[in-house]
Amino acid sequence: MDSKTDKINLMNFDRKALAEWFAARGEKPFRAQQLLKWVYQQGVDDFDAMTNLSKALRDSLKQDAEVRGLKVAADQKSTDGSRKWLFELEDGNRIESVYIPEAERATLCISSQVGCALNCSFCSTAQQGFNRNLTAAEIIGQLWMASRLLAEDDRLPVSNVVFMGMGEPLLNFDNVMTAVSLMQDDFAYALSKRRVTLSTAGVVPGLKRLAEVSDISLALSLHAPDDALRNELVPLNIKYHIDEVLQACKAYVGEGRRRVTIEYVMLDGVNDSDGHARALAKRLRHVPAKINLIPFNPFPRARYQRSSTQRIERFRDILHNAGIVTITRRTRGDDIDAACGQLAGDFTDRTRRRERLAVEVTGDFS
């Protein structure tokens, strides 16, 4: 139930849960398939328009259920074709999602939390603090709203989804997995495991749970080759050290052709030396991985600067020579603050991190 309505938002249910919900109402479970196709493949939120449902069922649904998406608070378009939406939630908090089109595919970067419970020092979202986890409806709702708005503008539809927006997905495990189930469901978005990527800072218990229920693509937000430096950049590392995190990632991708994507933000004079590159290559020697080097994207009060193009290229070449597939991510949407690490949203910070600007990661993430 939602705090502002007593109606059930059916976007919180994946197919299995929806079939059980229908069965409890005396309906056949296949009604779940019908409803999913209307909502996610047709973009319909009006029960009266779902013409293969009986009028009696439609009338019944209207009594205590609804399909409720997100409210668009702002819609910004970049000169490079990227697009950022600010979505307003029922409680007044706001989150951001980014659409990134390319020649033959389009990626949607979505959020999993209102803010972020972690405190990575190079990330604008982290500096804004944390309010709460998103519901499954609020997570899948980002894709649902983006799909409707893109169709209205005749833009390339979303073909890939990455959990690289606001929040740590593995700290909102159940709701994220419900949304992933809908993304992959043949009666909803039918995205393959290669087209849905979850990025984590390294919540090891969550990685182990993920391996039990999912086979989507995995990215690790690493950013340092040693524990001492990563403790500063990604304080979660104090709890889960690099070797432990990499072992969990290695177990997740298995022994086949799959690789974990290592995300590494390039910070001038901090983690971008030749020595850092060689140490990173050594650390990843036995891990099936590819590396994305991410030029740092500035935000207000940021303490870092972006590494020079020459330094990034030198870093990349060292990794290439060590036999590791390495690419430099092209910065997209920075003119609308939609680039990697820039998403901030608008929400009440329960951590008071904005006031303190720095806070140690505490609590039990297990």
Protein backbone atom coordinates (compact mmCIF):
# COMPACT_ATOMS: atom_id res chain seq x y z
CA MET A 1 0.00 0.00 0.00
CA ASP A 2 1.08 3.59 -0.54
CA SER A 3 1.03 6.27 2.13
CA LYS A 4 -1.28 8.50 0.03
CA THR A 5 -3.73 5.87 -1.27
CA ASP A 6 -5.10 2.59 -0.05
CA LYS A 7 -4.94 1.09 -3.54
CA ILE A 8 -2.31 -1.52 -4.40
CA ASN A 9 0.15 -0.43 -7.09
CA LEU A 10 0.43 -3.52 -9.30
CA MET A 11 3.82 -2.33 -10.55
CA ASN A 12 5.23 -3.66 -7.28
CA PHE A 13 4.54 -7.23 -8.45
CA ASP A 14 6.51 -9.39 -10.85
CA ARG A 15 4.66 -12.09 -12.81
CA LYS A 16 4.82 -14.74 -10.07
CA ALA A 17 3.56 -12.38 -7.37
CA LEU A 18 0.89 -10.98 -9.68
CA ALA A 19 -0.35 -14.47 -10.57
CA GLU A 20 -0.63 -15.28 -6.86
CA TRP A 21 -2.49 -12.02 -6.28
CA PHE A 22 -4.98 -12.81 -9.03
CA ALA A 23 -5.42 -16.39 -7.76
CA ALA A 24 -6.24 -15.06 -4.28
CA ARG A 25 -9.06 -13.06 -5.93
CA GLY A 26 -10.45 -16.18 -7.58
CA GLU A 27 -8.98 -15.33 -10.98
CA LYS A 28 -6.92 -17.53 -13.27
CA PRO A 29 -3.16 -16.98 -12.93
CA PHE A 30 -2.84 -16.23 -16.67
CA ARG A 31 -4.44 -12.86 -15.95
CA ALA A 32 -0.98 -11.83 -14.76
CA GLN A 33 0.44 -12.36 -18.25
CA GLN A 34 -2.35 -10.33 -19.80
CA LEU A 35 -1.89 -7.45 -17.41
CA LEU A 36 1.90 -7.42 -17.79
CA LYS A 37 1.58 -7.14 -21.58
CA TRP A 38 -0.83 -4.23 -21.29
CA VAL A 39 1.27 -2.36 -18.74
CA TYR A 40 4.82 -2.93 -19.96
CA GLN A 41 4.51 -3.71 -23.66
CA GLN A 42 1.64 -1.33 -24.43
CA GLY A 43 2.32 1.28 -21.74
CA VAL A 44 -1.31 1.18 -20.57
CA ASP A 45 -2.26 2.23 -17.04
CA ASP A 46 -6.05 2.39 -17.49
CA PHE A 47 -7.86 -0.85 -16.64
CA ASP A 48 -10.77 0.12 -18.92
CA ALA A 49 -8.40 -0.02 -21.91
CA MET A 50 -7.40 -3.63 -21.14
CA THR A 51 -10.04 -5.06 -23.45
CA ASN A 52 -9.19 -8.77 -23.07
CA LEU A 53 -10.10 -8.55 -19.38
CA SER A 54 -13.79 -8.93 -18.60
CA LYS A 55 -15.71 -5.82 -17.61
CA ALA A 56 -16.41 -7.38 -14.23
CA LEU A 57 -12.69 -7.90 -13.62
CA ARG A 58 -11.83 -4.40 -14.78
CA ASP A 59 -14.42 -2.94 -12.45
CA SER A 60 -13.10 -5.07 -9.61
CA LEU A 61 -9.52 -3.97 -10.24
CA LYS A 62 -10.50 -0.31 -10.14
CA GLN A 63 -11.84 -0.74 -6.63
CA ASP A 64 -8.57 -1.54 -4.88
CA ALA A 65 -5.72 -1.59 -7.43
CA GLU A 66 -3.97 0.75 -9.82
CA VAL A 67 -1.02 1.04 -12.18
CA ARG A 68 0.82 4.13 -10.98
CA GLY A 69 3.97 5.40 -12.63
CA LEU A 70 6.18 8.32 -11.64
CA LYS A 71 5.62 12.03 -11.99
CA VAL A 72 8.08 13.90 -14.21
CA ALA A 73 9.38 16.94 -12.33
CA ALA A 74 11.98 17.91 -14.94
CA ASP A 75 13.04 16.69 -18.38
CA GLN A 76 16.45 17.86 -19.61
CA LYS A 77 17.96 17.13 -23.02
CA SER A 78 21.70 17.20 -23.68
CA THR A 79 23.34 18.40 -26.85
CA ASP A 80 24.75 14.87 -27.31
CA GLY A 81 21.28 13.28 -27.36
CA SER A 82 21.28 12.14 -23.73
CA ARG A 83 18.25 12.93 -21.63
CA LYS A 84 17.81 13.22 -17.88
CA TRP A 85 14.55 12.93 -16.01
CA LEU A 86 13.90 14.11 -12.48
CA PHE A 87 11.08 11.96 -11.12
CA GLU A 88 9.00 13.06 -8.15
CA LEU A 89 7.89 10.32 -5.74
CA GLU A 90 4.72 10.18 -3.67
CA ASP A 91 6.54 11.37 -0.55
CA GLY A 92 7.99 14.41 -2.30
CA ASN A 93 11.51 13.04 -2.71
CA ARG A 94 13.00 13.16 -6.19
CA ILE A 95 15.32 10.82 -8.07
CA GLU A 96 17.09 10.95 -11.43
CA SER A 97 17.39 8.62 -14.42
CA VAL A 98 19.44 9.09 -17.59
CA TYR A 99 18.81 7.96 -21.17
CA ILE A 100 21.94 7.48 -23.29
CA PRO A 101 21.34 6.76 -27.00
CA GLU A 102 23.96 5.35 -29.34
CA ALA A 103 23.90 4.25 -32.97
CA GLU A 104 22.21 0.88 -32.50
CA ARG A 105 21.20 0.78 -28.85
CA ALA A 106 19.95 2.99 -26.05
CA THR A 107 20.82 2.61 -22.38
CA LEU A 108 18.77 3.76 -19.40
CA CYS A 109 20.70 4.41 -16.20
CA ILE A 110 18.30 3.98 -13.28
CA SER A 111 18.34 4.57 -9.53
CA SER A 112 17.68 2.05 -6.77
CA GLN A 113 17.65 4.29 -3.69
CA VAL A 114 16.71 7.84 -2.77
CA GLY A 115 20.28 9.03 -2.36
CA CYS A 116 22.87 6.48 -1.33
CA ALA A 117 23.65 4.76 1.94
CA LEU A 118 27.35 4.64 1.08
CA ASN A 119 29.76 7.57 1.07
CA CYS A 120 32.07 7.27 -1.93
CA SER A 121 34.04 10.49 -1.89
CA PHE A 122 34.08 11.09 -5.67
CA CYS A 123 30.30 10.69 -6.21
CA SER A 124 27.81 13.55 -6.12
CA THR A 125 24.95 11.24 -5.11
CA ALA A 126 26.90 9.99 -2.10
CA GLN A 127 27.58 13.51 -0.90
CA GLN A 128 23.84 14.21 -0.89
CA GLY A 129 23.18 11.58 1.76
CA PHE A 130 20.42 8.98 1.97
CA ASN A 131 16.68 8.87 2.58
CA ARG A 132 15.24 5.41 1.80
CA ASN A 133 15.10 2.47 -0.57
CA LEU A 134 12.96 2.74 -3.68
CA THR A 135 10.00 0.38 -4.02
CA ALA A 136 9.93 -2.09 -6.90
CA ALA A 137 7.30 0.10 -8.57
CA GLU A 138 9.55 3.15 -8.30
CA ILE A 139 12.44 1.23 -9.84
CA ILE A 140 10.58 -0.36 -12.77
CA GLY A 141 8.59 2.86 -13.03
CA GLN A 142 11.68 4.66 -14.28
CA LEU A 143 11.89 2.32 -17.27
CA TRP A 144 8.12 2.44 -17.78
CA MET A 145 8.02 6.25 -17.82
CA ALA A 146 11.10 6.54 -20.01
CA SER A 147 9.65 4.08 -22.51
CA ARG A 148 6.39 6.04 -22.76
CA LEU A 149 8.12 9.40 -23.13
CA LEU A 150 10.59 8.12 -25.72
CA ALA A 151 7.77 6.60 -27.77
CA GLU A 152 5.97 9.96 -27.75
CA ASP A 153 9.08 11.62 -29.20
CA ASP A 154 9.79 8.76 -31.63
CA ARG A 155 13.18 8.16 -30.02
CA LEU A 156 15.19 4.93 -30.02
CA PRO A 157 13.62 2.65 -27.37
CA VAL A 158 15.58 1.45 -24.36
CA SER A 159 17.53 -1.72 -25.18
CA ASN A 160 19.83 -1.83 -22.13
CA VAL A 161 19.34 -1.00 -18.46
CA VAL A 162 22.13 -0.29 -15.99
CA PHE A 163 21.73 0.06 -12.22
CA MET A 164 24.32 2.82 -12.09
CA GLY A 165 22.14 5.71 -10.93
CA MET A 166 21.48 6.82 -7.39
CA GLY A 167 22.01 4.20 -4.68
CA GLU A 168 23.64 0.84 -4.01
CA PRO A 169 21.38 -1.81 -5.62
CA LEU A 170 22.48 -4.66 -3.36
CA LEU A 171 21.32 -2.73 -0.29
CA ASN A 172 17.79 -2.79 -1.75
CA PHE A 173 18.01 -6.39 -2.88
CA ASP A 174 14.40 -7.63 -2.94
CA ASN A 175 12.92 -4.60 -4.69
CA VAL A 176 15.74 -4.51 -7.24
CA MET A 177 15.26 -8.20 -8.01
CA THR A 178 11.52 -7.72 -8.51
CA ALA A 179 12.27 -4.95 -11.01
CA VAL A 180 14.91 -7.11 -12.73
CA SER A 181 12.38 -9.93 -13.02
CA LEU A 182 10.02 -7.59 -14.88
CA MET A 183 12.82 -6.34 -17.12
CA GLN A 184 13.60 -9.90 -18.18
CA ASP A 185 10.05 -11.25 -18.34
CA ASP A 186 8.89 -12.19 -21.85
CA PHE A 187 5.50 -10.63 -21.08
CA ALA A 188 7.10 -7.35 -19.96
CA TYR A 189 10.39 -6.02 -21.41
CA ALA A 190 12.10 -9.30 -22.36
CA LEU A 191 15.63 -7.96 -21.85
CA SER A 192 18.38 -10.58 -21.93
CA LYS A 193 20.85 -11.07 -19.08
CA ARG A 194 23.49 -9.27 -21.14
CA ARG A 195 21.30 -6.18 -21.41
CA VAL A 196 20.72 -5.64 -17.69
CA THR A 197 23.76 -4.65 -15.63
CA LEU A 198 23.94 -4.21 -11.88
CA SER A 199 26.76 -2.05 -10.55
CA THR A 200 27.84 -2.51 -6.94
CA ALA A 201 30.46 -1.00 -4.66
CA GLY A 202 31.06 -4.52 -3.32
CA VAL A 203 28.41 -5.60 -0.83
CA VAL A 204 29.69 -9.17 -0.51
CA PRO A 205 26.61 -10.79 1.11
CA GLY A 206 24.48 -9.21 -1.62
CA LEU A 207 26.80 -10.55 -4.31
CA LYS A 208 26.45 -14.04 -2.90
CA ARG A 209 22.65 -13.72 -2.83
CA LEU A 210 22.68 -12.38 -6.37
CA ALA A 211 24.56 -15.45 -7.58
CA GLU A 212 21.76 -17.64 -6.21
CA VAL A 213 18.90 -15.92 -8.04
CA SER A 214 20.21 -14.05 -11.08
CA ASP A 215 22.61 -14.14 -14.01
CA ILE A 216 22.46 -10.52 -15.16
CA SER A 217 25.66 -8.68 -16.03
CA LEU A 218 27.80 -7.42 -13.15
CA ALA A 219 29.90 -4.29 -12.73
CA LEU A 220 32.13 -3.52 -9.76
CA SER A 221 32.81 0.06 -8.73
CA LEU A 222 36.47 -0.49 -7.76
CA HIS A 223 38.44 2.73 -8.32
CA ALA A 224 41.63 1.71 -6.52
CA PRO A 225 44.13 -1.16 -6.75
CA ASP A 226 44.84 -1.44 -3.01
CA ASP A 227 42.84 -1.42 0.21
CA ALA A 228 44.46 1.66 1.74
CA LEU A 229 43.43 3.92 -1.15
CA ARG A 230 40.06 2.27 -1.66
CA ASN A 231 39.24 2.76 2.03
CA GLU A 232 39.44 6.50 1.32
CA LEU A 233 37.53 6.47 -1.96
CA VAL A 234 34.96 3.75 -1.20
CA PRO A 235 34.59 3.48 2.60
CA LEU A 236 32.59 0.26 2.25
CA ASN A 237 35.99 -1.31 1.56
CA ILE A 238 36.75 -1.03 5.29
CA LYS A 239 34.15 -3.76 5.79
CA TYR A 240 34.66 -5.78 2.59
CA HIS A 241 38.26 -5.71 1.36
CA ILE A 242 39.23 -5.88 -2.31
CA ASP A 243 40.29 -9.54 -2.34
CA GLU A 244 37.01 -10.61 -0.73
CA VAL A 245 34.97 -8.52 -3.16
CA LEU A 246 36.87 -9.77 -6.21
CA GLN A 247 36.47 -13.37 -5.07
CA ALA A 248 32.70 -12.87 -4.81
CA CYS A 249 32.64 -11.29 -8.28
CA LYS A 250 34.72 -14.13 -9.70
CA ALA A 251 32.33 -16.68 -8.20
CA TYR A 252 29.38 -14.81 -9.70
CA VAL A 253 30.61 -14.78 -13.30
CA GLY A 254 31.86 -18.37 -13.09
CA GLU A 255 34.31 -20.15 -15.34
CA GLY A 256 32.72 -19.38 -18.73
CA ARG A 257 33.22 -16.49 -21.12
CA ARG A 258 31.50 -13.92 -18.90
CA ARG A 259 33.44 -11.07 -17.34
CA VAL A 260 32.84 -8.61 -14.56
CA THR A 261 33.14 -5.00 -15.66
CA ILE A 262 35.54 -3.06 -13.42
CA GLU A 263 34.62 0.61 -13.13
CA TYR A 264 37.56 2.87 -12.37
CA VAL A 265 37.12 6.63 -12.09
CA MET A 266 40.23 8.56 -13.08
CA LEU A 267 41.21 11.07 -10.38
CA ASP A 268 44.14 13.34 -11.08
CA GLY A 269 47.09 12.57 -8.82
CA VAL A 270 45.06 10.18 -6.68
CA ASN A 271 44.68 6.80 -8.42
CA ASP A 272 46.01 7.39 -11.95
CA SER A 273 49.78 6.79 -11.83
CA ASP A 274 51.71 4.14 -13.76
CA GLY A 275 52.21 2.35 -10.46
CA HIS A 276 48.48 2.28 -9.83
CA ALA A 277 47.91 0.83 -13.30
CA ARG A 278 50.47 -1.91 -12.80
CA ALA A 279 49.08 -2.72 -9.35
CA LEU A 280 45.57 -2.91 -10.80
CA ALA A 281 46.72 -5.27 -13.55
CA LYS A 282 48.37 -7.49 -10.96
CA ARG A 283 45.29 -7.44 -8.72
CA LEU A 284 43.06 -8.54 -11.62
CA ARG A 285 45.46 -11.13 -12.99
CA HIS A 286 43.21 -14.08 -12.12
CA VAL A 287 39.84 -12.32 -12.40
CA PRO A 288 37.82 -12.56 -15.66
CA ALA A 289 37.40 -8.83 -16.08
CA LYS A 290 37.27 -5.92 -18.46
CA ILE A 291 37.91 -2.36 -17.32
CA ASN A 292 35.99 0.84 -17.94
CA LEU A 293 38.09 3.91 -17.22
CA ILE A 294 35.75 6.76 -16.29
CA PRO A 295 36.94 10.37 -16.56
CA PHE A 296 35.93 12.06 -13.31
CA ASN A 297 32.89 14.32 -13.68
CA PRO A 298 33.00 17.35 -11.37
CA PHE A 299 30.21 18.46 -9.04
CA PRO A 300 29.90 21.28 -6.47
CA ARG A 301 32.43 21.04 -3.62
CA ALA A 302 34.18 18.08 -5.23
CA ARG A 303 37.67 17.58 -3.84
CA TYR A 304 39.04 15.93 -7.01
CA GLN A 305 40.04 16.85 -10.55
CA ARG A 306 39.79 14.79 -13.73
CA SER A 307 42.95 13.06 -14.94
CA SER A 308 44.33 14.48 -18.18
CA THR A 309 43.59 12.76 -21.46
CA GLN A 310 47.26 11.83 -21.80
CA ARG A 311 47.34 10.29 -18.32
CA ILE A 312 44.18 8.26 -18.99
CA GLU A 313 45.62 7.00 -22.27
CA ARG A 314 48.88 6.01 -20.57
CA PHE A 315 46.94 4.19 -17.82
CA ARG A 316 44.87 2.39 -20.45
CA ASP A 317 47.95 1.35 -22.43
CA ILE A 318 49.58 -0.23 -19.37
CA LEU A 319 46.45 -2.30 -18.77
CA HIS A 320 46.23 -3.24 -22.45
CA ASN A 321 49.83 -4.38 -22.41
CA ALA A 322 49.03 -6.54 -19.40
CA GLY A 323 46.38 -8.32 -21.48
CA ILE A 324 43.29 -6.71 -19.93
CA VAL A 325 40.53 -5.40 -22.17
CA THR A 326 40.26 -1.72 -21.27
CA ILE A 327 38.13 1.07 -22.69
CA THR A 328 37.70 4.71 -21.74
CA ARG A 329 34.07 5.58 -21.20
CA ARG A 330 32.95 8.55 -23.25
CA THR A 331 31.46 11.26 -21.06
CA ARG A 332 27.80 11.79 -21.92
CA GLY A 333 25.30 14.34 -20.67
CA ASP A 334 27.73 16.41 -18.61
CA ASP A 335 26.09 19.64 -19.84
CA ILE A 336 22.95 18.62 -17.91
CA ASP A 337 24.79 17.02 -14.95
CA ALA A 338 23.81 13.57 -16.20
CA ALA A 339 27.29 12.07 -16.46
CA CYS A 340 28.58 9.24 -14.30
CA GLY A 341 28.77 10.29 -10.63
CA GLN A 342 26.77 13.49 -11.10
CA LEU A 343 23.23 12.37 -10.28
CA ALA A 344 21.89 14.06 -7.18
CA GLY A 345 18.10 14.24 -7.20
CA ASP A 346 16.28 16.26 -4.55
CA PHE A 347 15.44 14.65 -1.24
CA THR A 348 15.54 14.84 2.53
CA ASP A 349 18.87 13.52 3.82
CA ARG A 350 18.36 11.37 6.90
CA THR A 351 22.09 10.92 7.39
CA ARG A 352 22.86 14.67 7.71
CA ARG A 353 25.76 13.93 5.37
CA ARG A 354 25.24 17.14 3.48
CA GLU A 355 26.00 19.00 6.67
CA ARG A 356 29.05 16.95 7.59
CA LEU A 357 30.19 16.24 3.99
CA ALA A 358 31.94 13.11 5.23
CA VAL A 359 30.74 10.19 7.29
CA GLU A 360 32.14 6.75 7.93
CA VAL A 361 30.16 3.78 6.70
CA THR A 362 28.64 2.11 9.74
CA GLY A 363 26.08 -0.56 10.38
CA ASP A 364 25.73 -4.19 9.39
CA PHE A 365 25.34 -4.75 5.65
CA SER A 366 24.95 -8.50 6.00
